[in-house]
Amino acid sequence: MKLSFKKRIATYNLLAVAALMAIAFAAIYAVVYYTSYKHLDDDIITEKTEVFSNLDWDDNAIIMRKMPEWEEAEHKQIEVNPTFIQIVNLKGQALFKSANLQGNHLLFNPQNKTTAFYNAIINNQRIRQGQFPVFNDKGKIIGQLTIGVSQQESYNVLHNLLIVLLATYIFIISILYFIMIFVASKAIAPVDQLIQSASRINDANINSRLPLPENEDEIRQLAETINDLLNRLESSFYQQKQFTSDASHEMQTPLAGIKGIIEVLLRKPRTAERYEEKLREVLVQTNRLSQLHDQLLQLARLESTVMIAKKDKVHLTEIIKKYLNTHETLIKKQAIQIQSSVPLEAQVWADSILLEMIADNLISNAIKYNKMGGNIFIDWNPANRTLSITDEGIGIDSDQLLSLFNRFFRADDSRSSQIPGNGLGLSIAKRLCDVQSIGLSVRSTKNIGSTFLLQFPS
């Protein structure tokens, strides 16, 4: 259906009202119809009782007594409310006809065995007929009595009523259509306002919001839902802009370093040892750029696809031991002591590959930001199924904790070339935790250390 929303509302409401009106008018007509014909049928039965009271029979013969009833005016006239009487025998021969029938006769069913009513026409006049079988003393049918009365008045009443009902129905439906259009226009006016307001929102004014209708109804709920969606889109929009800016900044640093080193080398000839030293610096910056590229690619894959964790029973000690061995060189270099109290039987339901990536990020952070000769405590709490990794490093200010899992965020004290990193590791770890319904949180005290908590589902 290509009708507008306003016209669809009007049409559906009109159809509903039209159906109800049709039922109501049909009921009115049916009641009047039944009442009219019931009145005629009652008159016919009354007449039948009088006629039967003046009939007699001898075996198979019907005997009619002479009585004033046969001479009544209603049985002689045919123009005004006449009553027609006809009696026939089993052979269909007329034994009696009222004078007003003249040369006509009433239709009847010779096989009729019960009382029957039906409509007929005599001399272009509509009549209501009742046919009654005549029984002798033995219960045998010996003839048929047919009585007819004029139904012209009832027909006229019903005909006029039908015309009035149809005309009224069409008139009301026609008026209602325009009323429904007007009402529908008023009903969807807030929707039109929302459409106009939404059409004006673009990337330049994405902070704009739809006006909320005064009524606490579904349209207000729709506006609130759209505003919530705009809030999420605005947040995502600014995150993307910030992501692009941060990525450019992070890539610019190693590129600027490489460019500076090459420019220094090109100014004048250097000794082989000097070239080797500067090439090592280029390699460090290149490795940093390569790591940034890998992590950006990994983060893009995580956020662009729907990840499904393939959970299984995983021994925590195996993963922790694996990544402590991976970072063994750095641990020894910084003289860090590892204090692990995770029991061998500690198991969790997780995706082993994703959990290894999380452990790698958290353990490498605990090593990088620890103090020289510090400790790393790795503990398992079976009561609430929580794994904690605690370092004795530089710590994080409390006002920076909420931003810690944002992409490219690094606490101010850690933004130096002495501590490698680009602020993507914890963002990736948080995304991997969310996929597995693992809670990731942090507690930290400035210059004392930080504790990262992994709470596994039961």
Protein backbone atom coordinates (compact mmCIF):
# COMPACT_ATOMS: atom_id res chain seq x y z
CA MET A 1 0.00 0.00 0.00
CA LYS A 2 1.51 3.31 -1.17
CA LEU A 3 -0.65 5.51 1.05
CA SER A 4 1.07 7.88 3.43
CA PHE A 5 1.23 6.97 7.10
CA LYS A 6 -1.46 9.59 7.86
CA LYS A 7 -3.83 8.17 5.25
CA ARG A 8 -3.15 4.60 6.37
CA ILE A 9 -4.14 5.51 9.93
CA ALA A 10 -7.31 7.22 8.65
CA THR A 11 -8.14 4.30 6.35
CA TYR A 12 -7.67 1.61 8.99
CA ASN A 13 -9.73 3.54 11.55
CA LEU A 14 -12.40 4.21 8.95
CA LEU A 15 -12.59 0.53 8.03
CA ALA A 16 -12.99 -0.39 11.69
CA VAL A 17 -15.76 2.17 12.22
CA ALA A 18 -17.41 1.20 8.92
CA ALA A 19 -17.48 -2.46 9.94
CA LEU A 20 -19.01 -1.63 13.34
CA MET A 21 -21.60 0.65 11.76
CA ALA A 22 -22.48 -2.00 9.18
CA ILE A 23 -23.04 -4.53 11.95
CA ALA A 24 -25.15 -2.04 13.95
CA PHE A 25 -27.29 -1.03 10.94
CA ALA A 26 -27.72 -4.67 9.90
CA ALA A 27 -28.87 -5.49 13.42
CA ILE A 28 -31.39 -2.60 13.34
CA TYR A 29 -32.74 -3.75 9.98
CA ALA A 30 -32.94 -7.37 11.13
CA VAL A 31 -34.89 -6.43 14.27
CA VAL A 32 -37.40 -4.32 12.29
CA TYR A 33 -37.66 -7.04 9.63
CA TYR A 34 -38.32 -9.74 12.21
CA THR A 35 -40.82 -7.58 14.10
CA SER A 36 -42.74 -6.67 10.94
CA TYR A 37 -43.08 -10.21 9.69
CA LYS A 38 -43.73 -11.61 13.15
CA HIS A 39 -46.69 -9.25 13.43
CA LEU A 40 -48.05 -10.42 10.07
CA ASP A 41 -47.50 -14.08 10.94
CA ASP A 42 -49.35 -13.56 14.25
CA ASP A 43 -52.31 -12.03 12.35
CA ILE A 44 -52.33 -15.00 9.99
CA ILE A 45 -52.32 -17.48 12.89
CA THR A 46 -55.20 -15.60 14.54
CA GLU A 47 -57.16 -15.77 11.30
CA LYS A 48 -56.29 -19.45 10.92
CA THR A 49 -57.72 -20.18 14.39
CA GLU A 50 -61.01 -18.52 13.46
CA VAL A 51 -61.21 -20.40 10.15
CA PHE A 52 -60.43 -23.77 11.72
CA SER A 53 -63.15 -23.17 14.30
CA ASN A 54 -65.67 -23.09 11.46
CA LEU A 55 -64.45 -26.13 9.56
CA ASP A 56 -65.55 -29.73 9.89
CA TRP A 57 -64.73 -32.89 8.02
CA ASP A 58 -66.24 -36.22 7.15
CA ASP A 59 -63.59 -38.78 6.57
CA ASN A 60 -61.65 -37.24 3.65
CA ALA A 61 -64.09 -34.44 2.92
CA ILE A 62 -63.84 -30.91 4.32
CA ILE A 63 -67.20 -29.40 5.43
CA MET A 64 -67.46 -25.60 5.64
CA ARG A 65 -70.12 -24.07 7.83
CA LYS A 66 -71.94 -20.94 6.84
CA MET A 67 -70.80 -18.19 9.16
CA PRO A 68 -70.51 -14.44 9.31
CA GLU A 69 -66.71 -14.80 9.18
CA TRP A 70 -66.82 -15.54 5.48
CA GLU A 71 -68.81 -12.38 4.77
CA GLU A 72 -66.50 -9.94 6.53
CA ALA A 73 -65.39 -6.97 4.44
CA GLU A 74 -61.72 -7.81 4.75
CA HIS A 75 -62.37 -11.00 2.78
CA LYS A 76 -64.10 -9.10 -0.05
CA GLN A 77 -61.87 -6.07 -0.65
CA ILE A 78 -58.49 -6.23 -2.31
CA GLU A 79 -57.24 -2.67 -2.00
CA VAL A 80 -56.88 -1.91 1.72
CA ASN A 81 -55.39 -4.44 4.16
CA PRO A 82 -57.24 -7.43 2.72
CA THR A 83 -57.23 -10.95 4.14
CA PHE A 84 -57.27 -13.74 1.58
CA ILE A 85 -58.49 -17.25 2.36
CA GLN A 86 -58.23 -20.36 0.23
CA ILE A 87 -59.06 -23.99 1.03
CA VAL A 88 -58.15 -26.86 -1.30
CA ASN A 89 -58.58 -30.61 -1.07
CA LEU A 90 -55.99 -33.28 -1.65
CA LYS A 91 -56.47 -33.02 -5.40
CA GLY A 92 -55.68 -29.31 -5.35
CA GLN A 93 -59.28 -28.36 -6.15
CA ALA A 94 -60.40 -25.15 -4.53
CA LEU A 95 -63.17 -25.78 -2.02
CA PHE A 96 -63.33 -22.17 -0.96
CA LYS A 97 -61.82 -18.84 -1.96
CA SER A 98 -62.54 -15.47 -0.37
CA ALA A 99 -64.30 -13.05 -2.67
CA ASN A 100 -61.34 -10.66 -2.80
CA LEU A 101 -59.26 -13.28 -4.63
CA GLN A 102 -61.59 -12.89 -7.61
CA GLY A 103 -60.01 -14.88 -10.43
CA ASN A 104 -56.70 -15.33 -8.63
CA HIS A 105 -55.58 -18.13 -6.39
CA LEU A 106 -53.00 -18.43 -3.64
CA LEU A 107 -49.92 -20.49 -4.31
CA PHE A 108 -49.54 -23.52 -2.09
CA ASN A 109 -47.43 -26.63 -1.67
CA PRO A 110 -49.60 -29.77 -1.92
CA GLN A 111 -46.92 -31.79 -0.13
CA ASN A 112 -46.82 -29.44 2.86
CA LYS A 113 -47.21 -31.23 6.21
CA THR A 114 -46.40 -28.43 8.62
CA THR A 115 -47.15 -24.75 9.05
CA ALA A 116 -45.19 -22.66 6.52
CA PHE A 117 -44.91 -18.91 5.82
CA TYR A 118 -43.71 -17.28 2.62
CA ASN A 119 -44.13 -14.18 0.50
CA ALA A 120 -46.11 -13.86 -2.72
CA ILE A 121 -47.66 -11.28 -5.08
CA ILE A 122 -51.33 -10.98 -6.11
CA ASN A 123 -52.41 -8.29 -8.55
CA ASN A 124 -49.07 -6.54 -8.06
CA GLN A 125 -49.70 -6.46 -4.32
CA ARG A 126 -47.26 -8.04 -1.92
CA ILE A 127 -48.80 -10.45 0.53
CA ARG A 128 -47.63 -12.63 3.36
CA GLN A 129 -48.99 -16.18 3.21
CA GLY A 130 -49.37 -18.88 5.76
CA GLN A 131 -50.14 -22.46 4.72
CA PHE A 132 -51.68 -24.91 7.17
CA PRO A 133 -52.48 -28.59 6.55
CA VAL A 134 -56.03 -29.70 7.49
CA PHE A 135 -56.16 -32.98 9.44
CA ASN A 136 -59.20 -35.22 10.01
CA ASP A 137 -59.92 -37.07 13.25
CA LYS A 138 -57.49 -39.80 12.24
CA GLY A 139 -54.64 -37.34 11.83
CA LYS A 140 -54.66 -37.65 8.06
CA ILE A 141 -54.16 -34.59 5.88
CA ILE A 142 -57.32 -33.98 3.87
CA GLY A 143 -56.54 -30.51 2.48
CA GLN A 144 -54.62 -27.27 2.76
CA LEU A 145 -55.67 -23.93 4.18
CA THR A 146 -53.85 -20.89 2.86
CA ILE A 147 -54.29 -17.45 4.40
CA GLY A 148 -52.72 -14.30 3.03
CA VAL A 149 -52.53 -10.78 4.38
CA SER A 150 -51.12 -7.66 2.78
CA GLN A 151 -47.48 -6.96 3.59
CA GLN A 152 -47.31 -3.75 1.57
CA GLU A 153 -47.03 -1.55 4.63
CA SER A 154 -44.29 -3.71 6.13
CA TYR A 155 -42.50 -3.79 2.79
CA ASN A 156 -42.70 -0.02 2.48
CA VAL A 157 -41.38 0.45 6.01
CA LEU A 158 -38.51 -1.97 5.43
CA HIS A 159 -37.71 -0.51 2.01
CA ASN A 160 -37.65 3.04 3.33
CA LEU A 161 -35.64 1.95 6.34
CA LEU A 162 -33.08 0.26 4.08
CA ILE A 163 -32.73 3.41 1.94
CA VAL A 164 -32.34 5.60 5.02
CA LEU A 165 -29.76 3.28 6.56
CA LEU A 166 -27.73 3.06 3.34
CA ALA A 167 -27.85 6.82 2.77
CA THR A 168 -26.96 7.48 6.40
CA TYR A 169 -24.15 4.93 6.24
CA ILE A 170 -22.60 6.48 3.12
CA PHE A 171 -23.00 10.02 4.48
CA ILE A 172 -21.44 9.18 7.87
CA ILE A 173 -18.56 7.24 6.31
CA SER A 174 -17.83 10.13 3.94
CA ILE A 175 -17.80 12.66 6.78
CA LEU A 176 -15.79 10.31 8.99
CA TYR A 177 -13.07 9.95 6.36
CA PHE A 178 -12.26 13.65 6.45
CA ILE A 179 -12.53 13.67 10.23
CA MET A 180 -10.14 10.73 10.41
CA ILE A 181 -7.67 12.51 8.09
CA PHE A 182 -7.79 15.59 10.33
CA VAL A 183 -7.40 13.54 13.52
CA ALA A 184 -4.56 11.49 12.01
CA SER A 185 -2.80 14.71 11.00
CA LYS A 186 -2.99 15.96 14.57
CA ALA A 187 -1.89 12.57 15.93
CA ILE A 188 1.25 12.33 13.81
CA ALA A 189 2.17 16.01 14.04
CA PRO A 190 4.82 15.19 16.71
CA VAL A 191 6.23 12.53 14.36
CA ASP A 192 6.51 15.11 11.56
CA GLN A 193 8.32 17.38 13.98
CA LEU A 194 10.73 14.58 14.88
CA ILE A 195 11.36 13.88 11.20
CA GLN A 196 12.13 17.54 10.49
CA SER A 197 14.38 17.82 13.52
CA ALA A 198 16.22 14.58 12.68
CA SER A 199 16.74 15.64 9.05
CA ARG A 200 18.66 18.71 10.23
CA ILE A 201 21.20 16.69 12.24
CA ASN A 202 24.53 15.98 10.52
CA ASP A 203 28.18 15.60 11.44
CA ALA A 204 28.47 19.37 11.96
CA ASN A 205 25.77 19.49 14.66
CA ILE A 206 25.72 15.90 15.86
CA ASN A 207 25.36 17.20 19.41
CA SER A 208 21.80 18.38 18.58
CA ARG A 209 18.92 16.38 20.00
CA LEU A 210 15.28 15.85 19.09
CA PRO A 211 12.70 17.87 21.05
CA LEU A 212 10.67 15.75 23.47
CA PRO A 213 6.84 15.93 23.18
CA GLU A 214 4.98 17.00 26.29
CA ASN A 215 2.81 13.90 26.46
CA GLU A 216 4.33 10.82 28.10
CA ASP A 217 3.45 8.50 25.23
CA GLU A 218 5.06 6.20 22.68
CA ILE A 219 6.18 9.14 20.52
CA ARG A 220 8.10 10.58 23.46
CA GLN A 221 9.65 7.14 24.03
CA LEU A 222 10.64 7.10 20.35
CA ALA A 223 12.24 10.53 20.67
CA GLU A 224 14.11 9.48 23.81
CA THR A 225 15.30 6.30 22.11
CA ILE A 226 16.55 8.25 19.09
CA ASN A 227 18.28 10.73 21.40
CA ASP A 228 19.98 7.84 23.18
CA LEU A 229 21.08 6.53 19.80
CA LEU A 230 22.42 9.97 18.89
CA ASN A 231 24.34 10.03 22.18
CA ARG A 232 26.00 6.74 21.28
CA LEU A 233 26.68 7.87 17.73
CA GLU A 234 28.16 11.16 18.96
CA SER A 235 30.38 9.30 21.39
CA SER A 236 31.46 6.89 18.66
CA PHE A 237 31.98 9.77 16.21
CA TYR A 238 34.27 11.66 18.57
CA GLN A 239 36.06 8.44 19.52
CA GLN A 240 36.77 7.81 15.86
CA LYS A 241 38.06 11.35 15.40
CA GLN A 242 40.16 10.99 18.54
CA PHE A 243 41.37 7.59 17.36
CA THR A 244 42.47 9.03 14.02
CA SER A 245 44.21 11.94 15.74
CA ASP A 246 45.94 9.70 18.28
CA ALA A 247 46.99 7.18 15.64
CA SER A 248 48.50 9.96 13.55
CA HIS A 249 50.31 11.32 16.59
CA GLU A 250 51.65 7.92 17.60
CA MET A 251 52.87 7.21 14.06
CA GLN A 252 54.38 10.65 13.72
CA THR A 253 56.75 10.16 16.67
CA PRO A 254 58.74 7.18 15.31
CA LEU A 255 58.58 8.58 11.76
CA ALA A 256 59.98 11.91 12.97
CA GLY A 257 62.70 10.02 14.84
CA ILE A 258 63.66 8.01 11.77
CA LYS A 259 63.64 11.13 9.59
CA GLY A 260 65.83 13.02 12.08
CA ILE A 261 68.39 10.22 12.31
CA ILE A 262 68.64 9.95 8.52
CA GLU A 263 69.03 13.72 8.16
CA VAL A 264 71.87 13.70 10.71
CA LEU A 265 73.62 10.86 8.89
CA LEU A 266 73.34 12.65 5.54
CA ARG A 267 74.91 15.90 6.71
CA LYS A 268 78.47 14.52 6.62
CA PRO A 269 80.31 11.22 6.50
CA ARG A 270 80.37 9.21 9.74
CA THR A 271 82.42 6.41 11.15
CA ALA A 272 81.18 2.86 10.82
CA GLU A 273 80.51 2.74 14.56
CA ARG A 274 78.40 5.93 14.35
CA TYR A 275 76.40 4.55 11.42
CA GLU A 276 75.80 1.32 13.34
CA GLU A 277 74.65 3.26 16.41
CA LYS A 278 72.20 5.37 14.41
CA LEU A 279 70.87 2.34 12.51
CA ARG A 280 70.12 0.69 15.82
CA GLU A 281 68.07 3.77 16.75
CA VAL A 282 66.25 3.54 13.40
CA LEU A 283 65.54 -0.13 14.12
CA VAL A 284 64.06 0.75 17.53
CA GLN A 285 61.75 3.34 15.96
CA THR A 286 60.85 0.96 13.13
CA ASN A 287 59.99 -1.79 15.63
CA ARG A 288 57.83 0.70 17.51
CA LEU A 289 56.05 1.64 14.28
CA SER A 290 55.62 -2.03 13.36
CA GLN A 291 54.16 -2.84 16.79
CA LEU A 292 51.73 0.08 16.45
CA HIS A 293 50.68 -1.18 13.02
CA ASP A 294 50.10 -4.71 14.34
CA GLN A 295 48.05 -3.50 17.29
CA LEU A 296 45.98 -1.15 15.16
CA LEU A 297 45.25 -3.99 12.78
CA GLN A 298 44.36 -6.30 15.66
CA LEU A 299 42.05 -3.69 17.22
CA ALA A 300 40.34 -3.03 13.87
CA ARG A 301 39.65 -6.74 13.47
CA LEU A 302 38.27 -7.00 16.99
CA GLU A 303 35.85 -4.12 16.48
CA SER A 304 34.77 -4.90 12.93
CA THR A 305 33.73 -8.53 13.48
CA VAL A 306 31.46 -10.38 15.83
CA MET A 307 33.82 -12.52 17.86
CA ILE A 308 32.64 -15.81 19.32
CA ALA A 309 34.69 -17.16 22.19
CA LYS A 310 35.36 -20.90 22.07
CA LYS A 311 35.37 -21.60 25.77
CA ASP A 312 36.97 -24.57 27.41
CA LYS A 313 38.66 -25.44 30.70
CA VAL A 314 41.93 -23.53 30.94
CA HIS A 315 44.67 -23.97 33.59
CA LEU A 316 45.75 -20.52 34.75
CA THR A 317 49.19 -21.66 35.86
CA GLU A 318 50.09 -22.81 32.34
CA ILE A 319 49.22 -19.43 30.78
CA ILE A 320 50.95 -17.42 33.52
CA LYS A 321 54.09 -19.56 33.31
CA LYS A 322 54.15 -19.27 29.51
CA TYR A 323 54.17 -15.47 29.49
CA LEU A 324 56.52 -15.14 32.41
CA ASN A 325 58.98 -17.18 30.35
CA THR A 326 58.26 -14.97 27.30
CA HIS A 327 59.22 -11.83 29.25
CA GLU A 328 62.01 -13.52 31.21
CA THR A 329 64.73 -11.33 29.69
CA LEU A 330 62.98 -8.10 30.66
CA ILE A 331 62.18 -9.47 34.12
CA LYS A 332 65.84 -10.23 34.76
CA LYS A 333 66.94 -6.91 33.31
CA GLN A 334 64.75 -5.01 35.80
CA ALA A 335 65.50 -7.47 38.64
CA ILE A 336 61.77 -8.03 39.18
CA GLN A 337 60.60 -10.73 41.61
CA ILE A 338 57.53 -12.77 40.69
CA GLN A 339 55.33 -13.87 43.61
CA SER A 340 52.64 -16.25 42.33
CA SER A 341 50.11 -18.01 44.58
CA VAL A 342 47.93 -19.44 41.82
CA PRO A 343 47.35 -23.16 42.63
CA LEU A 344 47.97 -25.78 39.97
CA GLU A 345 44.32 -26.89 40.03
CA ALA A 346 42.97 -23.38 39.32
CA GLN A 347 40.78 -23.63 36.20
CA VAL A 348 38.49 -21.22 34.38
CA TRP A 349 36.07 -21.40 31.45
CA ALA A 350 37.60 -19.23 28.74
CA ASP A 351 38.94 -19.12 25.21
CA SER A 352 42.57 -20.12 25.71
CA ILE A 353 43.88 -18.05 22.77
CA LEU A 354 42.06 -14.89 23.82
CA LEU A 355 43.01 -15.41 27.46
CA GLU A 356 46.68 -15.71 26.46
CA MET A 357 46.48 -12.34 24.71
CA ILE A 358 44.92 -10.77 27.82
CA ALA A 359 47.58 -12.27 30.10
CA ASP A 360 50.35 -11.10 27.77
CA ASN A 361 49.09 -7.50 27.90
CA LEU A 362 48.61 -7.42 31.67
CA ILE A 363 51.90 -9.13 32.55
CA SER A 364 53.90 -6.99 30.11
CA ASN A 365 52.30 -3.85 31.60
CA ALA A 366 53.15 -4.99 35.13
CA ILE A 367 56.77 -5.46 34.05
CA LYS A 368 57.12 -2.25 32.00
CA TYR A 369 55.66 0.08 34.61
CA ASN A 370 57.24 -1.60 37.64
CA LYS A 371 60.14 -0.08 39.50
CA MET A 372 63.63 -1.53 39.31
CA GLY A 373 63.85 -4.51 41.69
CA GLY A 374 60.08 -4.41 42.36
CA ASN A 375 57.67 -7.29 42.86
CA ILE A 376 54.80 -8.65 40.85
CA PHE A 377 52.12 -10.49 42.82
CA ILE A 378 49.84 -12.90 40.97
CA ASP A 379 47.02 -14.24 43.16
CA TRP A 380 43.92 -16.38 42.66
CA ASN A 381 40.78 -15.97 44.80
CA PRO A 382 38.61 -19.08 44.31
CA ALA A 383 35.71 -17.60 46.30
CA ASN A 384 34.89 -14.95 43.70
CA ARG A 385 36.98 -16.52 40.89
CA THR A 386 39.24 -13.50 40.54
CA LEU A 387 42.82 -13.38 39.25
CA SER A 388 44.80 -10.33 40.33
CA ILE A 389 48.10 -9.04 38.93
CA THR A 390 49.77 -6.43 41.15
CA ASP A 391 52.91 -4.41 40.50
CA GLU A 392 54.91 -1.94 42.60
CA GLY A 393 55.36 0.57 39.83
CA ILE A 394 54.53 4.20 39.17
CA GLY A 395 50.79 3.81 39.71
CA ILE A 396 48.03 5.89 38.13
CA ASP A 397 46.18 8.97 39.35
CA SER A 398 42.60 8.21 40.41
CA ASP A 399 41.20 10.74 37.93
CA GLN A 400 42.86 8.85 35.07
CA LEU A 401 41.57 5.38 35.96
CA LEU A 402 38.30 5.79 34.02
CA SER A 403 40.27 6.53 30.82
CA LEU A 404 42.78 3.74 31.26
CA PHE A 405 41.05 1.35 28.82
CA ASN A 406 40.56 3.98 26.12
CA ARG A 407 42.57 3.60 22.94
CA PHE A 408 45.94 5.41 22.92
CA PHE A 409 45.57 6.48 26.56
CA ARG A 410 48.77 6.51 28.56
CA ALA A 411 49.24 8.06 31.97
CA ASP A 412 51.39 11.18 31.79
CA ASP A 413 54.33 9.66 33.67
CA SER A 414 54.51 6.78 31.24
CA ARG A 415 54.64 8.92 28.07
CA SER A 416 58.34 8.73 27.47
CA SER A 417 60.64 6.96 25.13
CA GLN A 418 62.10 5.07 28.07
CA ILE A 419 58.90 3.03 28.42
CA PRO A 420 57.78 1.56 25.08
CA GLY A 421 54.10 1.38 24.24
CA ASN A 422 51.30 3.20 22.48
CA GLY A 423 48.27 2.83 24.77
CA LEU A 424 46.48 0.13 22.77
CA GLY A 425 47.28 -2.95 24.87
CA LEU A 426 44.70 -2.39 27.63
CA SER A 427 42.03 -1.38 25.09
CA ILE A 428 42.56 -4.69 23.28
CA ALA A 429 42.55 -6.60 26.59
CA LYS A 430 39.23 -4.98 27.59
CA ARG A 431 37.64 -5.92 24.27
CA LEU A 432 38.83 -9.52 24.60
CA CYS A 433 37.44 -9.66 28.16
CA ASP A 434 34.06 -8.35 27.04
CA VAL A 435 33.83 -11.08 24.40
CA GLN A 436 34.23 -13.73 27.12
CA SER A 437 32.11 -11.98 29.79
CA ILE A 438 35.22 -11.57 31.94
CA GLY A 439 35.23 -8.53 34.20
CA LEU A 440 38.37 -6.38 33.91
CA SER A 441 38.96 -3.67 36.52
CA VAL A 442 41.88 -1.81 38.04
CA ARG A 443 42.91 -0.38 41.39
CA SER A 444 45.90 1.94 41.63
CA THR A 445 47.72 4.26 44.00
CA LYS A 446 50.15 6.87 42.77
CA ASN A 447 53.82 5.84 43.28
CA ILE A 448 52.77 2.62 45.05
CA GLY A 449 51.49 0.37 42.29
CA SER A 450 48.51 -0.96 40.35
CA THR A 451 46.34 -4.08 40.56
CA PHE A 452 44.47 -5.47 37.56
CA LEU A 453 41.59 -7.83 38.38
CA LEU A 454 40.14 -10.49 36.07
CA GLN A 455 36.80 -11.82 37.38
CA PHE A 456 35.75 -14.97 35.56
CA PRO A 457 32.12 -16.08 35.25
CA SER A 458 31.03 -19.13 37.20
